[in-house]
PDB file of N, CA and C in Angstrom:
ATOM      1  N   MET A   1     -14.728  14.379  -2.751  1.00  0.00           N
ATOM      2  CA  MET A   1     -13.241  14.110  -3.311  1.00  0.00           C
ATOM      3  C   MET A   1     -12.142  14.667  -2.416  1.00  0.00           C
ATOM      4  N   MET A   2     -10.992  13.602  -2.874  1.00  0.00           N
ATOM      5  CA  MET A   2     -10.004  13.946  -1.912  1.00  0.00           C
ATOM      6  C   MET A   2      -9.168  14.911  -2.313  1.00  0.00           C
ATOM      7  N   ASN A   3      -8.603  15.884  -1.595  1.00  0.00           N
ATOM      8  CA  ASN A   3      -7.675  17.109  -1.868  1.00  0.00           C
ATOM      9  C   ASN A   3      -6.296  16.692  -2.280  1.00  0.00           C
ATOM     10  N   ASN A   4      -5.892  16.612  -3.512  1.00  0.00           N
ATOM     11  CA  ASN A   4      -4.684  16.564  -3.723  1.00  0.00           C
ATOM     12  C   ASN A   4      -3.316  17.279  -3.071  1.00  0.00           C
ATOM     13  N   ALA A   5      -4.094  18.540  -2.969  1.00  0.00           N
ATOM     14  CA  ALA A   5      -2.853  19.204  -2.432  1.00  0.00           C
ATOM     15  C   ALA A   5      -2.339  18.651  -1.292  1.00  0.00           C
ATOM     16  N   ASN A   6      -2.930  17.881  -0.267  1.00  0.00           N
ATOM     17  CA  ASN A   6      -2.468  17.740   0.878  1.00  0.00           C
ATOM     18  C   ASN A   6      -1.937  16.327   0.704  1.00  0.00           C
ATOM     19  N   LYS A   7      -2.251  15.462  -0.384  1.00  0.00           N
ATOM     20  CA  LYS A   7      -2.718  14.008  -0.235  1.00  0.00           C
ATOM     21  C   LYS A   7      -1.327  13.513   0.274  1.00  0.00           C
ATOM     22  N   LEU A   8      -1.295  12.321   0.594  1.00  0.00           N
ATOM     23  CA  LEU A   8      -0.521  11.503   0.575  1.00  0.00           C
ATOM     24  C   LEU A   8      -0.424   9.800   0.336  1.00  0.00           C
ATOM     25  N   SER A   9       0.651   9.788  -0.635  1.00  0.00           N
ATOM     26  CA  SER A   9       0.497   8.503  -0.908  1.00  0.00           C
ATOM     27  C   SER A   9       1.531   7.052  -0.249  1.00  0.00           C
ATOM     28  N   VAL A  10       0.726   6.237  -0.010  1.00  0.00           N
ATOM     29  CA  VAL A  10       1.482   5.679   0.821  1.00  0.00           C
ATOM     30  C   VAL A  10       2.035   4.327  -0.061  1.00  0.00           C
ATOM     31  N   ILE A  11       3.080   4.139  -0.247  1.00  0.00           N
ATOM     32  CA  ILE A  11       3.276   2.840  -0.993  1.00  0.00           C
ATOM     33  C   ILE A  11       4.032   1.325  -0.424  1.00  0.00           C
ATOM     34  N   ILE A  12       3.463   0.574  -0.744  1.00  0.00           N
ATOM     35  CA  ILE A  12       3.935  -0.987  -0.015  1.00  0.00           C
ATOM     36  C   ILE A  12       4.346  -1.899  -0.853  1.00  0.00           C
ATOM     37  N   PRO A  13       5.512  -2.242  -0.966  1.00  0.00           N
ATOM     38  CA  PRO A  13       5.853  -3.598  -1.887  1.00  0.00           C
ATOM     39  C   PRO A  13       5.482  -4.627  -1.279  1.00  0.00           C
ATOM     40  N   LEU A  14       4.872  -5.766  -1.918  1.00  0.00           N
ATOM     41  CA  LEU A  14       4.278  -6.832  -1.384  1.00  0.00           C
ATOM     42  C   LEU A  14       4.781  -7.827  -1.659  1.00  0.00           C
ATOM     43  N   TYR A  15       5.854  -9.072  -1.090  1.00  0.00           N
ATOM     44  CA  TYR A  15       6.163 -10.091  -1.568  1.00  0.00           C
ATOM     45  C   TYR A  15       6.233 -11.238  -0.477  1.00  0.00           C
ATOM     46  N   ASN A  16       5.141 -12.031  -0.513  1.00  0.00           N
ATOM     47  CA  ASN A  16       5.215 -13.040   0.611  1.00  0.00           C
ATOM     48  C   ASN A  16       5.271 -12.608   1.936  1.00  0.00           C
ATOM     49  N   ALA A  17       4.162 -11.462   2.121  1.00  0.00           N
ATOM     50  CA  ALA A  17       4.252 -11.317   3.496  1.00  0.00           C
ATOM     51  C   ALA A  17       3.218 -12.173   4.163  1.00  0.00           C
ATOM     52  N   GLY A  18       2.575 -13.077   4.027  1.00  0.00           N
ATOM     53  CA  GLY A  18       2.105 -13.714   4.691  1.00  0.00           C
ATOM     54  C   GLY A  18       0.519 -12.753   5.544  1.00  0.00           C
ATOM     55  N   ASP A  19       0.320 -13.327   6.838  1.00  0.00           N
ATOM     56  CA  ASP A  19      -0.826 -12.486   7.786  1.00  0.00           C
ATOM     57  C   ASP A  19      -0.181 -11.363   8.279  1.00  0.00           C
ATOM     58  N   ASP A  20       1.219 -11.306   8.226  1.00  0.00           N
ATOM     59  CA  ASP A  20       1.944  -9.730   8.545  1.00  0.00           C
ATOM     60  C   ASP A  20       1.045  -8.675   8.005  1.00  0.00           C
ATOM     61  N   PHE A  21       0.727  -9.062   6.608  1.00  0.00           N
ATOM     62  CA  PHE A  21       0.423  -8.367   6.021  1.00  0.00           C
ATOM     63  C   PHE A  21      -0.748  -7.514   6.479  1.00  0.00           C
ATOM     64  N   ASN A  22      -1.604  -8.078   6.725  1.00  0.00           N
ATOM     65  CA  ASN A  22      -3.372  -7.831   7.474  1.00  0.00           C
ATOM     66  C   ASN A  22      -3.039  -6.642   8.707  1.00  0.00           C
ATOM     67  N   ALA A  23      -2.154  -6.822   9.283  1.00  0.00           N
ATOM     68  CA  ALA A  23      -1.629  -6.259  10.216  1.00  0.00           C
ATOM     69  C   ALA A  23      -1.341  -4.739   9.852  1.00  0.00           C
ATOM     70  N   CYS A  24      -0.375  -4.847   8.871  1.00  0.00           N
ATOM     71  CA  CYS A  24      -0.051  -3.354   8.252  1.00  0.00           C
ATOM     72  C   CYS A  24      -0.989  -2.644   7.561  1.00  0.00           C
ATOM     73  N   MET A  25      -1.818  -3.466   6.829  1.00  0.00           N
ATOM     74  CA  MET A  25      -2.942  -2.786   6.259  1.00  0.00           C
ATOM     75  C   MET A  25      -4.179  -2.416   7.294  1.00  0.00           C
ATOM     76  N   GLU A  26      -4.325  -3.117   8.542  1.00  0.00           N
ATOM     77  CA  GLU A  26      -5.406  -2.482   9.747  1.00  0.00           C
ATOM     78  C   GLU A  26      -4.818  -1.294  10.078  1.00  0.00           C
ATOM     79  N   SER A  27      -3.520  -1.056  10.141  1.00  0.00           N
ATOM     80  CA  SER A  27      -2.778  -0.088  10.996  1.00  0.00           C
ATOM     81  C   SER A  27      -2.982   1.104   9.920  1.00  0.00           C
ATOM     82  N   LEU A  28      -2.893   0.773   8.505  1.00  0.00           N
ATOM     83  CA  LEU A  28      -3.292   2.081   7.890  1.00  0.00           C
ATOM     84  C   LEU A  28      -4.448   2.569   7.803  1.00  0.00           C
ATOM     85  N   ILE A  29      -5.714   1.606   7.463  1.00  0.00           N
ATOM     86  CA  ILE A  29      -6.803   1.825   7.179  1.00  0.00           C
ATOM     87  C   ILE A  29      -7.381   2.671   8.459  1.00  0.00           C
ATOM     88  N   ALA A  30      -6.716   2.533   9.669  1.00  0.00           N
ATOM     89  CA  ALA A  30      -7.157   3.342  10.866  1.00  0.00           C
ATOM     90  C   ALA A  30      -6.738   4.853  11.131  1.00  0.00           C
ATOM     91  N   GLN A  31      -5.924   4.945  10.079  1.00  0.00           N
ATOM     92  CA  GLN A  31      -5.225   6.471   9.826  1.00  0.00           C
ATOM     93  C   GLN A  31      -6.328   7.360   9.687  1.00  0.00           C
ATOM     94  N   THR A  32      -6.557   8.412  10.456  1.00  0.00           N
ATOM     95  CA  THR A  32      -7.327   9.587  10.257  1.00  0.00           C
ATOM     96  C   THR A  32      -7.318  10.573   9.398  1.00  0.00           C
ATOM     97  N   TRP A  33      -6.410  10.410   8.680  1.00  0.00           N
ATOM     98  CA  TRP A  33      -5.736  11.503   7.561  1.00  0.00           C
ATOM     99  C   TRP A  33      -6.610  11.067   6.270  1.00  0.00           C
ATOM    100  N   THR A  34      -7.817  11.939   5.518  1.00  0.00           N
ATOM    101  CA  THR A  34      -8.942  11.365   4.707  1.00  0.00           C
ATOM    102  C   THR A  34      -7.863  11.366   3.534  1.00  0.00           C
ATOM    103  N   ALA A  35      -7.173  12.364   3.153  1.00  0.00           N
ATOM    104  CA  ALA A  35      -6.434  12.857   1.975  1.00  0.00           C
ATOM    105  C   ALA A  35      -4.924  11.515   1.965  1.00  0.00           C
ATOM    106  N   LEU A  36      -5.456  10.583   1.781  1.00  0.00           N
ATOM    107  CA  LEU A  36      -4.665   9.204   1.879  1.00  0.00           C
ATOM    108  C   LEU A  36      -4.872   8.559   0.897  1.00  0.00           C
ATOM    109  N   GLU A  37      -4.008   7.871   0.152  1.00  0.00           N
ATOM    110  CA  GLU A  37      -3.979   6.456  -0.733  1.00  0.00           C
ATOM    111  C   GLU A  37      -3.291   5.864  -0.559  1.00  0.00           C
ATOM    112  N   ILE A  38      -3.711   4.391  -0.532  1.00  0.00           N
ATOM    113  CA  ILE A  38      -2.550   2.935  -0.147  1.00  0.00           C
ATOM    114  C   ILE A  38      -2.252   2.463  -1.726  1.00  0.00           C
ATOM    115  N   ILE A  39      -1.239   2.800  -2.209  1.00  0.00           N
ATOM    116  CA  ILE A  39      -0.522   1.844  -3.171  1.00  0.00           C
ATOM    117  C   ILE A  39      -0.139   0.443  -2.897  1.00  0.00           C
ATOM    118  N   ILE A  40      -0.405  -0.609  -3.257  1.00  0.00           N
ATOM    119  CA  ILE A  40      -0.144  -1.983  -2.925  1.00  0.00           C
ATOM    120  C   ILE A  40       0.826  -2.381  -4.145  1.00  0.00           C
ATOM    121  N   ILE A  41       2.225  -2.620  -4.514  1.00  0.00           N
ATOM    122  CA  ILE A  41       2.916  -3.402  -5.283  1.00  0.00           C
ATOM    123  C   ILE A  41       2.924  -4.467  -5.355  1.00  0.00           C
ATOM    124  N   ASN A  42       2.336  -5.403  -5.790  1.00  0.00           N
ATOM    125  CA  ASN A  42       2.601  -7.113  -5.219  1.00  0.00           C
ATOM    126  C   ASN A  42       3.762  -7.577  -6.489  1.00  0.00           C
ATOM    127  N   ASP A  43       4.520  -7.505  -5.850  1.00  0.00           N
ATOM    128  CA  ASP A  43       5.730  -8.275  -6.255  1.00  0.00           C
ATOM    129  C   ASP A  43       6.149  -9.545  -6.622  1.00  0.00           C
ATOM    130  N   GLY A  44       5.115 -10.072  -7.295  1.00  0.00           N
ATOM    131  CA  GLY A  44       5.309 -11.508  -7.492  1.00  0.00           C
ATOM    132  C   GLY A  44       4.955 -12.592  -6.368  1.00  0.00           C
ATOM    133  N   SER A  45       4.017 -12.278  -5.080  1.00  0.00           N
ATOM    134  CA  SER A  45       4.053 -13.203  -4.397  1.00  0.00           C
ATOM    135  C   SER A  45       3.276 -14.490  -4.444  1.00  0.00           C
ATOM    136  N   THR A  46       3.578 -15.491  -3.822  1.00  0.00           N
ATOM    137  CA  THR A  46       2.842 -16.804  -4.271  1.00  0.00           C
ATOM    138  C   THR A  46       2.669 -17.665  -2.870  1.00  0.00           C
ATOM    139  N   ASP A  47       2.042 -16.726  -1.802  1.00  0.00           N
ATOM    140  CA  ASP A  47       1.784 -16.955  -0.986  1.00  0.00           C
ATOM    141  C   ASP A  47       0.209 -16.221  -0.792  1.00  0.00           C
ATOM    142  N   ASN A  48      -0.592 -16.114   0.275  1.00  0.00           N
ATOM    143  CA  ASN A  48      -1.712 -15.232   0.670  1.00  0.00           C
ATOM    144  C   ASN A  48      -1.825 -13.978   0.439  1.00  0.00           C
ATOM    145  N   SER A  49      -0.659 -13.321   0.594  1.00  0.00           N
ATOM    146  CA  SER A  49      -0.708 -11.909   0.544  1.00  0.00           C
ATOM    147  C   SER A  49      -1.606 -11.258  -0.500  1.00  0.00           C
ATOM    148  N   VAL A  50      -1.359 -11.726  -1.819  1.00  0.00           N
ATOM    149  CA  VAL A  50      -2.424 -11.125  -2.756  1.00  0.00           C
ATOM    150  C   VAL A  50      -3.876 -11.338  -2.465  1.00  0.00           C
ATOM    151  N   GLU A  51      -4.353 -12.119  -1.861  1.00  0.00           N
ATOM    152  CA  GLU A  51      -5.809 -12.414  -1.160  1.00  0.00           C
ATOM    153  C   GLU A  51      -6.039 -11.024  -0.216  1.00  0.00           C
ATOM    154  N   ILE A  52      -5.298 -11.289   0.428  1.00  0.00           N
ATOM    155  CA  ILE A  52      -5.364 -10.015   1.832  1.00  0.00           C
ATOM    156  C   ILE A  52      -5.349  -8.406   1.091  1.00  0.00           C
ATOM    157  N   ALA A  53      -4.640  -8.510  -0.157  1.00  0.00           N
ATOM    158  CA  ALA A  53      -4.628  -7.131  -0.687  1.00  0.00           C
ATOM    159  C   ALA A  53      -5.483  -7.148  -1.592  1.00  0.00           C
ATOM    160  N   LYS A  54      -6.032  -8.035  -2.277  1.00  0.00           N
ATOM    161  CA  LYS A  54      -7.779  -7.876  -2.967  1.00  0.00           C
ATOM    162  C   LYS A  54      -8.739  -7.427  -2.276  1.00  0.00           C
ATOM    163  N   HIS A  55      -8.619  -8.148  -1.231  1.00  0.00           N
ATOM    164  CA  HIS A  55      -9.568  -7.599  -0.061  1.00  0.00           C
ATOM    165  C   HIS A  55      -9.820  -6.383   0.371  1.00  0.00           C
ATOM    166  N   TYR A  56      -8.473  -5.420   0.361  1.00  0.00           N
ATOM    167  CA  TYR A  56      -8.403  -4.184   0.941  1.00  0.00           C
ATOM    168  C   TYR A  56      -8.611  -3.345  -0.529  1.00  0.00           C
ATOM    169  N   ALA A  57      -8.144  -3.980  -1.399  1.00  0.00           N
ATOM    170  CA  ALA A  57      -8.530  -2.895  -2.536  1.00  0.00           C
ATOM    171  C   ALA A  57      -9.928  -3.112  -2.945  1.00  0.00           C
ATOM    172  N   GLU A  58     -10.783  -4.301  -2.910  1.00  0.00           N
ATOM    173  CA  GLU A  58     -11.982  -4.105  -3.066  1.00  0.00           C
ATOM    174  C   GLU A  58     -12.991  -3.290  -2.276  1.00  0.00           C
ATOM    175  N   ASN A  59     -12.512  -3.391  -0.916  1.00  0.00           N
ATOM    176  CA  ASN A  59     -13.386  -2.744   0.248  1.00  0.00           C
ATOM    177  C   ASN A  59     -13.145  -1.285   0.556  1.00  0.00           C
ATOM    178  N   TYR A  60     -12.111  -0.595   0.233  1.00  0.00           N
ATOM    179  CA  TYR A  60     -11.558   0.446   0.363  1.00  0.00           C
ATOM    180  C   TYR A  60     -10.955   1.309  -0.831  1.00  0.00           C
ATOM    181  N   PRO A  61     -12.208   2.053  -0.771  1.00  0.00           N
ATOM    182  CA  PRO A  61     -11.797   2.764  -2.448  1.00  0.00           C
ATOM    183  C   PRO A  61     -10.519   3.869  -2.486  1.00  0.00           C
ATOM    184  N   HIS A  62      -9.602   4.031  -1.564  1.00  0.00           N
ATOM    185  CA  HIS A  62      -8.206   4.743  -1.479  1.00  0.00           C
ATOM    186  C   HIS A  62      -7.293   3.468  -1.268  1.00  0.00           C
ATOM    187  N   VAL A  63      -7.617   2.527  -1.524  1.00  0.00           N
ATOM    188  CA  VAL A  63      -6.205   1.328  -1.754  1.00  0.00           C
ATOM    189  C   VAL A  63      -6.437   0.619  -3.008  1.00  0.00           C
ATOM    190  N   ARG A  64      -5.278   0.888  -3.587  1.00  0.00           N
ATOM    191  CA  ARG A  64      -5.113   0.394  -5.007  1.00  0.00           C
ATOM    192  C   ARG A  64      -3.766  -0.882  -5.085  1.00  0.00           C
ATOM    193  N   LEU A  65      -4.270  -1.800  -5.872  1.00  0.00           N
ATOM    194  CA  LEU A  65      -3.371  -3.005  -6.037  1.00  0.00           C
ATOM    195  C   LEU A  65      -2.787  -3.265  -7.392  1.00  0.00           C
ATOM    196  N   LEU A  66      -1.650  -3.189  -7.660  1.00  0.00           N
ATOM    197  CA  LEU A  66      -0.901  -3.186  -9.016  1.00  0.00           C
ATOM    198  C   LEU A  66       0.168  -4.858  -8.432  1.00  0.00           C
ATOM    199  N   HIS A  67      -0.037  -5.143  -9.815  1.00  0.00           N
ATOM    200  CA  HIS A  67       1.072  -6.188  -9.862  1.00  0.00           C
ATOM    201  C   HIS A  67       2.193  -5.968 -11.004  1.00  0.00           C
ATOM    202  N   GLN A  68       3.059  -6.748 -10.295  1.00  0.00           N
ATOM    203  CA  GLN A  68       4.359  -6.984 -11.273  1.00  0.00           C
ATOM    204  C   GLN A  68       5.056  -8.336 -10.860  1.00  0.00           C
ATOM    205  N   ALA A  69       5.869  -8.748 -12.138  1.00  0.00           N
ATOM    206  CA  ALA A  69       6.554 -10.108 -11.851  1.00  0.00           C
ATOM    207  C   ALA A  69       7.827  -9.782 -10.685  1.00  0.00           C
ATOM    208  N   ASN A  70       8.175 -10.922 -10.049  1.00  0.00           N
ATOM    209  CA  ASN A  70       9.110 -10.446  -8.961  1.00  0.00           C
ATOM    210  C   ASN A  70      10.582  -9.772  -9.346  1.00  0.00           C
ATOM    211  N   ALA A  71      10.539  -8.779  -8.869  1.00  0.00           N
ATOM    212  CA  ALA A  71      11.533  -7.608  -9.609  1.00  0.00           C
ATOM    213  C   ALA A  71      12.455  -7.051  -8.213  1.00  0.00           C
ATOM    214  N   GLY A  72      11.894  -7.002  -6.858  1.00  0.00           N
ATOM    215  CA  GLY A  72      12.469  -6.825  -6.164  1.00  0.00           C
ATOM    216  C   GLY A  72      11.503  -5.250  -5.536  1.00  0.00           C
ATOM    217  N   ALA A  73      11.880  -4.913  -4.046  1.00  0.00           N
ATOM    218  CA  ALA A  73      11.226  -3.977  -3.293  1.00  0.00           C
ATOM    219  C   ALA A  73      11.851  -2.920  -3.901  1.00  0.00           C
ATOM    220  N   SER A  74      13.042  -2.566  -4.572  1.00  0.00           N
ATOM    221  CA  SER A  74      13.460  -1.104  -4.807  1.00  0.00           C
ATOM    222  C   SER A  74      12.354  -0.823  -6.345  1.00  0.00           C
ATOM    223  N   VAL A  75      12.685  -1.791  -7.191  1.00  0.00           N
ATOM    224  CA  VAL A  75      11.284  -1.594  -8.416  1.00  0.00           C
ATOM    225  C   VAL A  75      10.169  -1.284  -8.278  1.00  0.00           C
ATOM    226  N   ALA A  76       9.657  -2.348  -6.972  1.00  0.00           N
ATOM    227  CA  ALA A  76       8.101  -2.072  -6.991  1.00  0.00           C
ATOM    228  C   ALA A  76       7.640  -0.855  -6.232  1.00  0.00           C
ATOM    229  N   ARG A  77       8.797  -0.230  -5.407  1.00  0.00           N
ATOM    230  CA  ARG A  77       8.797   1.034  -4.691  1.00  0.00           C
ATOM    231  C   ARG A  77       8.587   2.226  -5.752  1.00  0.00           C
ATOM    232  N   ASN A  78       9.387   2.109  -7.153  1.00  0.00           N
ATOM    233  CA  ASN A  78       9.381   3.145  -7.970  1.00  0.00           C
ATOM    234  C   ASN A  78       8.328   3.025  -9.087  1.00  0.00           C
ATOM    235  N   ARG A  79       7.607   1.943  -9.027  1.00  0.00           N
ATOM    236  CA  ARG A  79       6.384   1.529  -9.836  1.00  0.00           C
ATOM    237  C   ARG A  79       5.181   2.431  -9.220  1.00  0.00           C
ATOM    238  N   GLY A  80       5.275   2.345  -7.613  1.00  0.00           N
ATOM    239  CA  GLY A  80       4.435   2.646  -6.843  1.00  0.00           C
ATOM    240  C   GLY A  80       4.729   4.365  -6.918  1.00  0.00           C
ATOM    241  N   ILE A  81       5.955   5.016  -7.040  1.00  0.00           N
ATOM    242  CA  ILE A  81       6.149   6.407  -7.394  1.00  0.00           C
ATOM    243  C   ILE A  81       5.201   6.827  -8.551  1.00  0.00           C
ATOM    244  N   GLU A  82       5.774   5.777  -9.317  1.00  0.00           N
ATOM    245  CA  GLU A  82       5.244   6.305 -10.894  1.00  0.00           C
ATOM    246  C   GLU A  82       3.422   6.192 -10.838  1.00  0.00           C
ATOM    247  N   ALA A  83       2.670   5.349 -10.076  1.00  0.00           N
ATOM    248  CA  ALA A  83       1.226   5.638  -9.890  1.00  0.00           C
ATOM    249  C   ALA A  83       0.985   6.511  -8.667  1.00  0.00           C
ATOM    250  N   ALA A  84       1.557   6.916  -7.986  1.00  0.00           N
ATOM    251  CA  ALA A  84       1.177   7.734  -6.818  1.00  0.00           C
ATOM    252  C   ALA A  84       0.108   9.283  -7.336  1.00  0.00           C
ATOM    253  N   THR A  85      -0.304   9.705  -6.869  1.00  0.00           N
ATOM    254  CA  THR A  85      -1.289  10.940  -6.969  1.00  0.00           C
ATOM    255  C   THR A  85      -1.014  11.723  -5.923  1.00  0.00           C
ATOM    256  N   GLY A  86      -0.458  11.620  -4.978  1.00  0.00           N
ATOM    257  CA  GLY A  86      -0.046  12.737  -3.956  1.00  0.00           C
ATOM    258  C   GLY A  86       0.891  13.340  -4.005  1.00  0.00           C
ATOM    259  N   LYS A  87       0.799  14.490  -3.299  1.00  0.00           N
ATOM    260  CA  LYS A  87       2.073  15.363  -3.144  1.00  0.00           C
ATOM    261  C   LYS A  87       3.151  15.213  -2.505  1.00  0.00           C
ATOM    262  N   TYR A  88       2.904  14.049  -1.684  1.00  0.00           N
ATOM    263  CA  TYR A  88       3.955  13.083  -0.671  1.00  0.00           C
ATOM    264  C   TYR A  88       3.614  12.015  -0.858  1.00  0.00           C
ATOM    265  N   VAL A  89       4.716  11.128  -0.657  1.00  0.00           N
ATOM    266  CA  VAL A  89       5.006  10.065  -0.413  1.00  0.00           C
ATOM    267  C   VAL A  89       5.533   9.416   0.439  1.00  0.00           C
ATOM    268  N   ALA A  90       4.967   8.311   0.754  1.00  0.00           N
ATOM    269  CA  ALA A  90       5.609   7.619   2.428  1.00  0.00           C
ATOM    270  C   ALA A  90       5.916   5.843   1.654  1.00  0.00           C
ATOM    271  N   PHE A  91       6.845   5.263   2.524  1.00  0.00           N
ATOM    272  CA  PHE A  91       7.485   3.884   2.035  1.00  0.00           C
ATOM    273  C   PHE A  91       6.804   3.080   3.343  1.00  0.00           C
ATOM    274  N   VAL A  92       6.083   2.068   3.323  1.00  0.00           N
ATOM    275  CA  VAL A  92       5.648   1.116   4.248  1.00  0.00           C
ATOM    276  C   VAL A  92       6.196  -0.022   4.025  1.00  0.00           C
ATOM    277  N   ASP A  93       6.638  -1.395   4.704  1.00  0.00           N
ATOM    278  CA  ASP A  93       7.411  -2.552   4.293  1.00  0.00           C
ATOM    279  C   ASP A  93       5.754  -3.497   4.673  1.00  0.00           C
ATOM    280  N   ALA A  94       5.919  -4.702   4.219  1.00  0.00           N
ATOM    281  CA  ALA A  94       4.166  -5.324   3.994  1.00  0.00           C
ATOM    282  C   ALA A  94       4.195  -5.976   5.410  1.00  0.00           C
ATOM    283  N   GLY A  95       5.173  -5.809   6.241  1.00  0.00           N
ATOM    284  CA  GLY A  95       5.339  -6.405   7.302  1.00  0.00           C
ATOM    285  C   GLY A  95       5.520  -6.206   8.750  1.00  0.00           C
ATOM    286  N   ASP A  96       5.263  -4.214   8.130  1.00  0.00           N
ATOM    287  CA  ASP A  96       5.209  -3.430   9.270  1.00  0.00           C
ATOM    288  C   ASP A  96       3.730  -2.546   9.861  1.00  0.00           C
ATOM    289  N   ALA A  97       3.671  -2.672  10.974  1.00  0.00           N
ATOM    290  CA  ALA A  97       2.183  -1.707  11.425  1.00  0.00           C
ATOM    291  C   ALA A  97       2.662  -0.564  11.508  1.00  0.00           C
ATOM    292  N   ALA A  98       2.271   0.589  11.203  1.00  0.00           N
ATOM    293  CA  ALA A  98       2.274   2.306  11.469  1.00  0.00           C
ATOM    294  C   ALA A  98       1.357   1.933  12.707  1.00  0.00           C
ATOM    295  N   ASN A  99       2.172   2.980  13.541  1.00  0.00           N
ATOM    296  CA  ASN A  99       1.798   3.825  14.629  1.00  0.00           C
ATOM    297  C   ASN A  99       0.480   4.552  14.087  1.00  0.00           C
ATOM    298  N   LEU A 100      -0.425   5.487  14.711  1.00  0.00           N
ATOM    299  CA  LEU A 100      -0.857   6.557  14.029  1.00  0.00           C
ATOM    300  C   LEU A 100      -0.234   7.437  13.730  1.00  0.00           C
ATOM    301  N   LEU A 101       0.061   7.599  12.608  1.00  0.00           N
ATOM    302  CA  LEU A 101       0.878   8.714  11.761  1.00  0.00           C
ATOM    303  C   LEU A 101      -0.080  10.028  11.807  1.00  0.00           C
ATOM    304  N   ILE A 102      -1.204   9.987  11.279  1.00  0.00           N
ATOM    305  CA  ILE A 102      -2.063  10.953  10.816  1.00  0.00           C
ATOM    306  C   ILE A 102      -3.306  11.427  11.053  1.00  0.00           C
TER     307      ILE A 102
END
């Protein structure tokens, strides 16, 4: 069971990031911190981003995928905050690849 006292919620607004999103997710999956949840907010993507997100949500139990109509990154981030269960929150853009942070 995950330790919520030190849990980090990583929130990713997703809108048409294409294949760059795969690199983002691979960099997050490689993190060594075990008290981690990744929340992807699909902001009405129309490209293959949603399929990539579904793959990670189906194959990694600490990844969740939420959907909303296109409302912008700030609305998606706020939705992610509402869904987050971690003590700490971090934001990553879908086109970013995170260095080994934790």
